[in-house]
Amino acid sequence: MIKSWRRSYVKGERTRVKPIVRKRFVRIKETLYSFKDGKIKVSIKPYEEYLEFDISKAWFLSRAKGEMGELILNEKYLTIAFRFKRRKDEARGKIAWDCNERSLDGFSPGTGWTRIDLTRLFHIHRVYEIKRRRMQQKASKKSSLRRVLAKYSKREKDRTKDFIHKLTTSIARKFKGYIHGFEGLRKNRMLNGLRKHNRNISKSDWRTIIALMDYKAKAVILNPKNSTKRCSKCGMINAPKGALYVCACCGLRIDRQLNAAINLYLQMEGLPPSPKFFEGLMKTWSGFTQTGEEADEGFDELVRSPRLMNPQSYICL
């Protein structure tokens, strides 16, 4: 554990605080044990020392239908995990998600542009940041306030996880059968010299959202390089400023986050940006204008506004 921490610390991915063993347990990989005749044989020293567990009379052996997986051994119990194979159902479609500080913007030709508001999730982190800041000024003089700080940190973590659980469940149900593509963002590569920017990035929970979506639906990791800068119509690399993306080559005017979501969707399909494919999207879903003018919601034109999916009704603060 210390060696793993040291490798990450040298790379700048961990703090100077060394890890502490709070619960004594061992995770045993499938390659380190064998199961035969109702007995589990764990290898401690190869060909020399073994640890055996007799589970031949265990009640769950006749009921468990999956394959035996990883073992978790602590001072009192042995926990056995079973792996169950997923049913291979045909995917209804693919949807790519652009991860931002305050929103998730998804795109799929069948559903159009979907925006999920993450403002309340950001608000949870902001509230407890202010509370801890007030306490930290007094905690140096009064040691009993450190327990209050630990309580606030745990409460923030629990409320954040509860929010993300309800959010990912809602997404998985609304887009049932879809393959979800997310950007593989790394926070340590997005930090710069601006304190406010770094704090906003640190409040993001992109990895937690991806981890929870991965077992509620099928999720894939996408390369985020130039997803915002590349034009989704011609493939030109531009430097967008503000919320509007303007291409200097083909003249496309489109929302910056929607442009990134379309580029990620093309990456999921293994397609490069092309004007022909873009024109096909324009015919099936009129979610944007090429010149940036106000959309005409007439009888001969589909609704161009994004589909808003606001998760405020799922929050319990």
Protein backbone atom coordinates (compact mmCIF):
# COMPACT_ATOMS: atom_id res chain seq x y z
CA MET A 1 0.00 0.00 0.00
CA ILE A 2 2.85 2.36 0.85
CA LYS A 3 4.61 1.53 -2.42
CA SER A 4 1.44 2.29 -4.38
CA TRP A 5 1.06 5.60 -2.53
CA ARG A 6 4.71 6.50 -3.19
CA ARG A 7 4.38 5.86 -6.95
CA SER A 8 1.31 8.10 -7.13
CA TYR A 9 2.95 10.74 -4.93
CA VAL A 10 5.98 10.96 -7.22
CA LYS A 11 3.64 11.53 -10.18
CA GLY A 12 1.87 14.30 -8.26
CA GLU A 13 -1.43 12.39 -8.00
CA ARG A 14 -1.44 12.04 -4.17
CA THR A 15 -0.87 14.36 -1.23
CA ARG A 16 1.93 14.07 1.32
CA VAL A 17 -0.40 12.42 3.83
CA LYS A 18 0.47 8.73 3.98
CA PRO A 19 -2.36 6.16 3.93
CA ILE A 20 -3.49 4.69 7.26
CA VAL A 21 -4.89 1.18 7.75
CA ARG A 22 -8.33 1.61 9.28
CA LYS A 23 -9.81 -1.79 8.51
CA ARG A 24 -7.71 -4.92 8.28
CA PHE A 25 -8.75 -6.95 5.27
CA VAL A 26 -7.18 -8.61 2.23
CA ARG A 27 -8.59 -8.79 -1.29
CA ILE A 28 -7.63 -12.08 -2.91
CA LYS A 29 -7.57 -12.21 -6.70
CA GLU A 30 -8.92 -15.18 -8.60
CA THR A 31 -5.40 -16.18 -9.66
CA LEU A 32 -4.29 -16.60 -6.02
CA TYR A 33 -6.74 -19.32 -4.98
CA SER A 34 -8.29 -22.54 -6.24
CA PHE A 35 -11.67 -24.13 -5.52
CA LYS A 36 -12.02 -27.91 -5.59
CA ASP A 37 -14.25 -30.41 -3.74
CA GLY A 38 -15.88 -27.67 -1.68
CA LYS A 39 -12.56 -26.29 -0.41
CA ILE A 40 -10.94 -22.93 -1.14
CA LYS A 41 -7.14 -23.08 -1.18
CA VAL A 42 -5.43 -19.68 -0.94
CA SER A 43 -1.77 -19.46 -1.89
CA ILE A 44 0.36 -17.54 0.64
CA LYS A 45 3.77 -18.77 -0.54
CA PRO A 46 3.64 -20.57 -3.88
CA TYR A 47 4.11 -24.36 -3.49
CA GLU A 48 4.98 -23.90 0.20
CA GLU A 49 2.24 -22.36 2.33
CA TYR A 50 -1.53 -22.39 1.81
CA LEU A 51 -4.67 -21.35 3.67
CA GLU A 52 -7.72 -23.62 3.35
CA PHE A 53 -11.42 -22.91 3.89
CA ASP A 54 -13.99 -25.70 3.85
CA ILE A 55 -17.31 -24.39 2.45
CA SER A 56 -18.68 -27.71 1.24
CA LYS A 57 -21.66 -27.44 3.62
CA ALA A 58 -22.37 -23.78 2.94
CA TRP A 59 -26.02 -23.05 2.17
CA PHE A 60 -25.32 -20.64 -0.74
CA LEU A 61 -23.40 -23.05 -2.97
CA SER A 62 -26.57 -24.69 -4.28
CA ARG A 63 -28.25 -21.32 -4.91
CA ALA A 64 -25.42 -19.30 -6.44
CA LYS A 65 -25.60 -19.54 -10.24
CA GLY A 66 -22.68 -17.24 -11.10
CA GLU A 67 -18.95 -17.84 -11.20
CA MET A 68 -16.85 -17.40 -8.07
CA GLY A 69 -14.86 -14.18 -8.19
CA GLU A 70 -12.73 -12.17 -5.80
CA LEU A 71 -12.41 -13.06 -2.10
CA ILE A 72 -12.32 -10.56 0.77
CA LEU A 73 -10.72 -11.85 3.97
CA ASN A 74 -10.77 -9.98 7.28
CA GLU A 75 -10.13 -10.97 10.89
CA LYS A 76 -13.53 -12.63 11.35
CA TYR A 77 -15.15 -13.41 7.99
CA LEU A 78 -14.48 -14.59 4.46
CA THR A 79 -16.60 -12.82 1.84
CA ILE A 80 -17.06 -14.54 -1.52
CA ALA A 81 -18.12 -12.51 -4.54
CA PHE A 82 -19.97 -14.15 -7.44
CA ARG A 83 -19.93 -12.86 -10.99
CA PHE A 84 -23.08 -13.00 -13.09
CA LYS A 85 -22.97 -12.58 -16.84
CA ARG A 86 -25.07 -9.81 -18.30
CA ARG A 87 -27.69 -10.56 -20.85
CA LYS A 88 -26.48 -9.42 -24.25
CA ASP A 89 -29.33 -7.26 -25.43
CA GLU A 90 -29.15 -5.24 -28.61
CA ALA A 91 -28.38 -1.58 -27.97
CA ARG A 92 -31.15 0.85 -28.89
CA GLY A 93 -28.61 3.52 -29.71
CA LYS A 94 -25.60 5.50 -28.54
CA ILE A 95 -25.47 8.78 -26.68
CA ALA A 96 -22.32 10.83 -25.99
CA TRP A 97 -22.02 13.11 -22.95
CA ASP A 98 -19.89 16.24 -22.75
CA CYS A 99 -18.88 16.76 -19.08
CA ASN A 100 -18.90 20.36 -17.80
CA GLU A 101 -18.74 22.06 -14.42
CA ARG A 102 -22.46 22.79 -14.17
CA SER A 103 -24.04 20.44 -16.71
CA LEU A 104 -23.88 17.23 -18.74
CA ASP A 105 -24.69 17.74 -22.41
CA GLY A 106 -25.62 14.62 -24.36
CA PHE A 107 -26.23 14.08 -28.05
CA SER A 108 -27.76 11.26 -30.04
CA PRO A 109 -29.54 11.52 -33.41
CA GLY A 110 -32.58 9.78 -31.96
CA THR A 111 -32.94 11.95 -28.84
CA GLY A 112 -31.31 15.20 -29.92
CA TRP A 113 -29.58 17.50 -27.47
CA THR A 114 -30.15 16.65 -23.81
CA ARG A 115 -28.85 18.94 -21.07
CA ILE A 116 -28.71 17.77 -17.45
CA ASP A 117 -28.36 20.52 -14.89
CA LEU A 118 -25.66 19.87 -12.25
CA THR A 119 -25.98 23.22 -10.49
CA ARG A 120 -27.43 21.69 -7.32
CA LEU A 121 -24.58 19.17 -7.17
CA PHE A 122 -22.10 22.05 -7.43
CA HIS A 123 -24.12 23.87 -4.74
CA ILE A 124 -23.67 20.99 -2.27
CA HIS A 125 -19.88 21.24 -2.54
CA ARG A 126 -19.99 25.03 -2.33
CA VAL A 127 -22.12 25.08 0.85
CA TYR A 128 -19.83 22.72 2.74
CA GLU A 129 -16.75 24.54 1.46
CA ILE A 130 -18.02 27.72 3.13
CA LYS A 131 -18.89 25.86 6.34
CA ARG A 132 -15.47 24.24 6.57
CA ARG A 133 -13.73 27.55 5.88
CA ARG A 134 -15.50 29.15 8.84
CA MET A 135 -14.63 26.21 11.09
CA GLN A 136 -11.00 25.95 10.01
CA GLN A 137 -10.28 29.44 11.27
CA LYS A 138 -11.33 28.35 14.77
CA ALA A 139 -10.22 24.69 14.69
CA SER A 140 -6.54 25.61 15.10
CA LYS A 141 -7.36 27.05 18.54
CA LYS A 142 -10.07 24.58 19.56
CA SER A 143 -9.31 20.90 18.88
CA SER A 144 -12.91 19.73 19.48
CA LEU A 145 -13.98 21.46 16.27
CA ARG A 146 -11.97 18.95 14.24
CA ARG A 147 -14.71 16.37 14.84
CA VAL A 148 -17.23 18.88 13.50
CA LEU A 149 -15.08 19.33 10.38
CA ALA A 150 -14.96 15.55 9.89
CA LYS A 151 -18.74 15.41 10.29
CA TYR A 152 -19.23 18.08 7.61
CA SER A 153 -16.88 16.27 5.23
CA LYS A 154 -18.74 12.97 5.68
CA ARG A 155 -22.12 14.67 5.26
CA GLU A 156 -20.95 16.32 2.03
CA LYS A 157 -19.72 12.99 0.70
CA ASP A 158 -22.98 11.20 1.58
CA ARG A 159 -25.23 13.86 0.03
CA THR A 160 -23.11 14.02 -3.09
CA LYS A 161 -23.24 10.25 -3.54
CA ASP A 162 -27.00 10.21 -2.90
CA PHE A 163 -27.53 12.91 -5.56
CA ILE A 164 -25.38 11.09 -8.13
CA HIS A 165 -27.08 7.74 -7.43
CA LYS A 166 -30.52 9.24 -8.10
CA LEU A 167 -29.26 11.15 -11.12
CA THR A 168 -27.60 8.14 -12.80
CA THR A 169 -30.65 5.98 -12.08
CA SER A 170 -32.84 8.58 -13.80
CA ILE A 171 -30.51 8.70 -16.82
CA ALA A 172 -30.34 4.90 -17.09
CA ARG A 173 -34.15 4.63 -17.00
CA LYS A 174 -34.79 7.48 -19.43
CA PHE A 175 -32.26 6.14 -21.96
CA LYS A 176 -32.77 2.44 -21.35
CA GLY A 177 -30.80 0.24 -23.72
CA TYR A 178 -28.44 3.02 -24.82
CA ILE A 179 -24.64 2.90 -24.75
CA HIS A 180 -23.36 5.97 -22.90
CA GLY A 181 -20.05 7.56 -23.86
CA PHE A 182 -18.25 9.85 -21.38
CA GLU A 183 -15.08 11.90 -21.61
CA GLY A 184 -12.08 10.44 -19.80
CA LEU A 185 -11.19 13.70 -18.06
CA ARG A 186 -8.36 13.93 -15.51
CA LYS A 187 -8.54 16.82 -13.07
CA ASN A 188 -4.80 17.08 -12.46
CA ARG A 189 -4.29 17.92 -16.14
CA MET A 190 -6.94 20.65 -16.11
CA LEU A 191 -5.53 22.71 -13.25
CA ASN A 192 -3.73 26.01 -13.83
CA GLY A 193 -2.58 29.02 -11.81
CA LEU A 194 -6.08 30.38 -11.16
CA ARG A 195 -7.39 29.50 -7.70
CA LYS A 196 -11.09 29.92 -8.56
CA HIS A 197 -10.77 27.70 -11.65
CA ASN A 198 -8.93 24.99 -9.69
CA ARG A 199 -11.54 24.99 -6.95
CA ASN A 200 -14.38 24.67 -9.47
CA ILE A 201 -12.62 21.75 -11.17
CA SER A 202 -12.05 20.02 -7.83
CA LYS A 203 -15.79 20.22 -7.10
CA SER A 204 -16.63 18.17 -10.22
CA ASP A 205 -17.72 14.54 -9.79
CA TRP A 206 -17.25 13.22 -13.32
CA ARG A 207 -15.47 9.99 -12.33
CA THR A 208 -18.15 9.14 -9.76
CA ILE A 209 -20.90 9.67 -12.33
CA ILE A 210 -19.11 7.40 -14.82
CA ALA A 211 -18.47 4.72 -12.18
CA LEU A 212 -22.13 4.59 -11.11
CA MET A 213 -23.38 4.67 -14.70
CA ASP A 214 -21.08 1.79 -15.60
CA TYR A 215 -23.10 -0.79 -13.67
CA LYS A 216 -26.53 0.73 -14.29
CA ALA A 217 -25.99 0.87 -18.06
CA LYS A 218 -23.21 0.23 -20.52
CA ALA A 219 -20.66 3.06 -20.45
CA VAL A 220 -17.53 3.64 -22.51
CA ILE A 221 -14.67 6.12 -22.02
CA LEU A 222 -13.89 8.53 -24.86
CA ASN A 223 -10.82 10.60 -25.66
CA PRO A 224 -11.59 14.26 -24.80
CA LYS A 225 -8.77 15.74 -26.92
CA ASN A 226 -10.02 18.64 -29.09
CA SER A 227 -13.67 17.66 -28.56
CA THR A 228 -14.50 21.32 -27.86
CA LYS A 229 -12.12 22.91 -30.40
CA ARG A 230 -12.91 20.69 -33.41
CA CYS A 231 -15.77 21.71 -35.70
CA SER A 232 -18.38 18.96 -35.82
CA LYS A 233 -19.15 19.78 -39.48
CA CYS A 234 -15.80 20.20 -41.28
CA GLY A 235 -13.26 19.07 -38.66
CA MET A 236 -11.44 22.41 -38.46
CA ILE A 237 -9.66 23.18 -35.16
CA ASN A 238 -10.75 26.56 -33.76
CA ALA A 239 -10.36 28.40 -30.47
CA PRO A 240 -13.93 29.02 -29.25
CA LYS A 241 -14.67 31.90 -26.88
CA GLY A 242 -17.79 31.98 -24.77
CA ALA A 243 -20.83 29.75 -25.15
CA LEU A 244 -21.05 30.06 -28.95
CA TYR A 245 -18.78 28.06 -31.26
CA VAL A 246 -18.01 29.77 -34.56
CA CYS A 247 -16.01 27.92 -37.22
CA ALA A 248 -13.67 30.10 -39.27
CA CYS A 249 -13.66 27.60 -42.15
CA CYS A 250 -17.28 26.61 -42.85
CA GLY A 251 -19.08 29.36 -40.89
CA LEU A 252 -20.95 27.00 -38.55
CA ARG A 253 -22.49 28.66 -35.48
CA ILE A 254 -23.45 26.22 -32.76
CA ASP A 255 -23.54 25.93 -28.99
CA ARG A 256 -20.07 25.10 -27.72
CA GLN A 257 -21.15 22.21 -25.50
CA LEU A 258 -23.43 20.75 -28.17
CA ASN A 259 -20.54 20.85 -30.64
CA ALA A 260 -18.39 18.86 -28.20
CA ALA A 261 -21.18 16.32 -27.65
CA ILE A 262 -21.55 15.77 -31.42
CA ASN A 263 -17.78 15.26 -31.78
CA LEU A 264 -17.86 12.68 -28.99
CA TYR A 265 -20.78 10.90 -30.67
CA LEU A 266 -18.81 10.75 -33.93
CA GLN A 267 -15.93 9.23 -31.97
CA MET A 268 -18.28 6.55 -30.60
CA GLU A 269 -19.36 5.68 -34.13
CA GLY A 270 -15.76 5.78 -35.43
CA LEU A 271 -16.58 8.51 -37.95
CA PRO A 272 -14.66 11.70 -38.79
CA PRO A 273 -16.48 15.05 -39.08
CA SER A 274 -17.93 15.50 -42.55
CA PRO A 275 -20.35 18.06 -44.06
CA LYS A 276 -22.41 15.25 -45.63
CA PHE A 277 -23.05 13.52 -42.30
CA PHE A 278 -23.72 16.88 -40.66
CA GLU A 279 -26.35 17.73 -43.26
CA GLY A 280 -27.99 14.38 -42.50
CA LEU A 281 -28.22 15.37 -38.85
CA MET A 282 -29.75 18.70 -39.87
CA LYS A 283 -32.54 16.91 -41.71
CA THR A 284 -33.38 14.46 -38.90
CA TRP A 285 -33.00 16.84 -35.99
CA SER A 286 -33.02 20.65 -36.26
CA GLY A 287 -31.36 21.36 -32.92
CA PHE A 288 -29.13 24.16 -34.17
CA THR A 289 -28.84 26.78 -36.88
CA GLN A 290 -25.93 27.19 -39.25
CA THR A 291 -25.93 30.99 -39.18
CA GLY A 292 -26.73 31.53 -35.49
CA GLU A 293 -30.02 33.38 -35.99
CA GLU A 294 -33.05 32.84 -33.81
CA ALA A 295 -34.85 29.57 -34.59
CA ASP A 296 -38.15 29.87 -36.42
CA GLU A 297 -40.60 27.60 -34.60
CA GLY A 298 -42.89 27.43 -37.60
CA PHE A 299 -45.04 24.60 -38.85
CA ASP A 300 -42.33 23.44 -41.27
CA GLU A 301 -39.49 23.41 -38.73
CA LEU A 302 -38.81 21.19 -35.72
CA VAL A 303 -38.22 22.60 -32.26
CA ARG A 304 -34.59 23.73 -31.99
CA SER A 305 -34.36 24.29 -28.25
CA PRO A 306 -32.50 21.72 -26.14
CA ARG A 307 -34.39 19.13 -24.13
CA LEU A 308 -33.87 20.10 -20.52
CA MET A 309 -33.61 17.37 -17.91
CA ASN A 310 -33.49 19.11 -14.54
CA PRO A 311 -32.69 16.79 -11.62
CA GLN A 312 -33.82 19.24 -8.91
CA SER A 313 -36.83 17.10 -8.04
CA TYR A 314 -34.50 14.25 -7.07
CA ILE A 315 -32.49 16.24 -4.52
CA CYS A 316 -32.98 16.05 -0.75
CA LEU A 317 -30.76 18.62 0.98
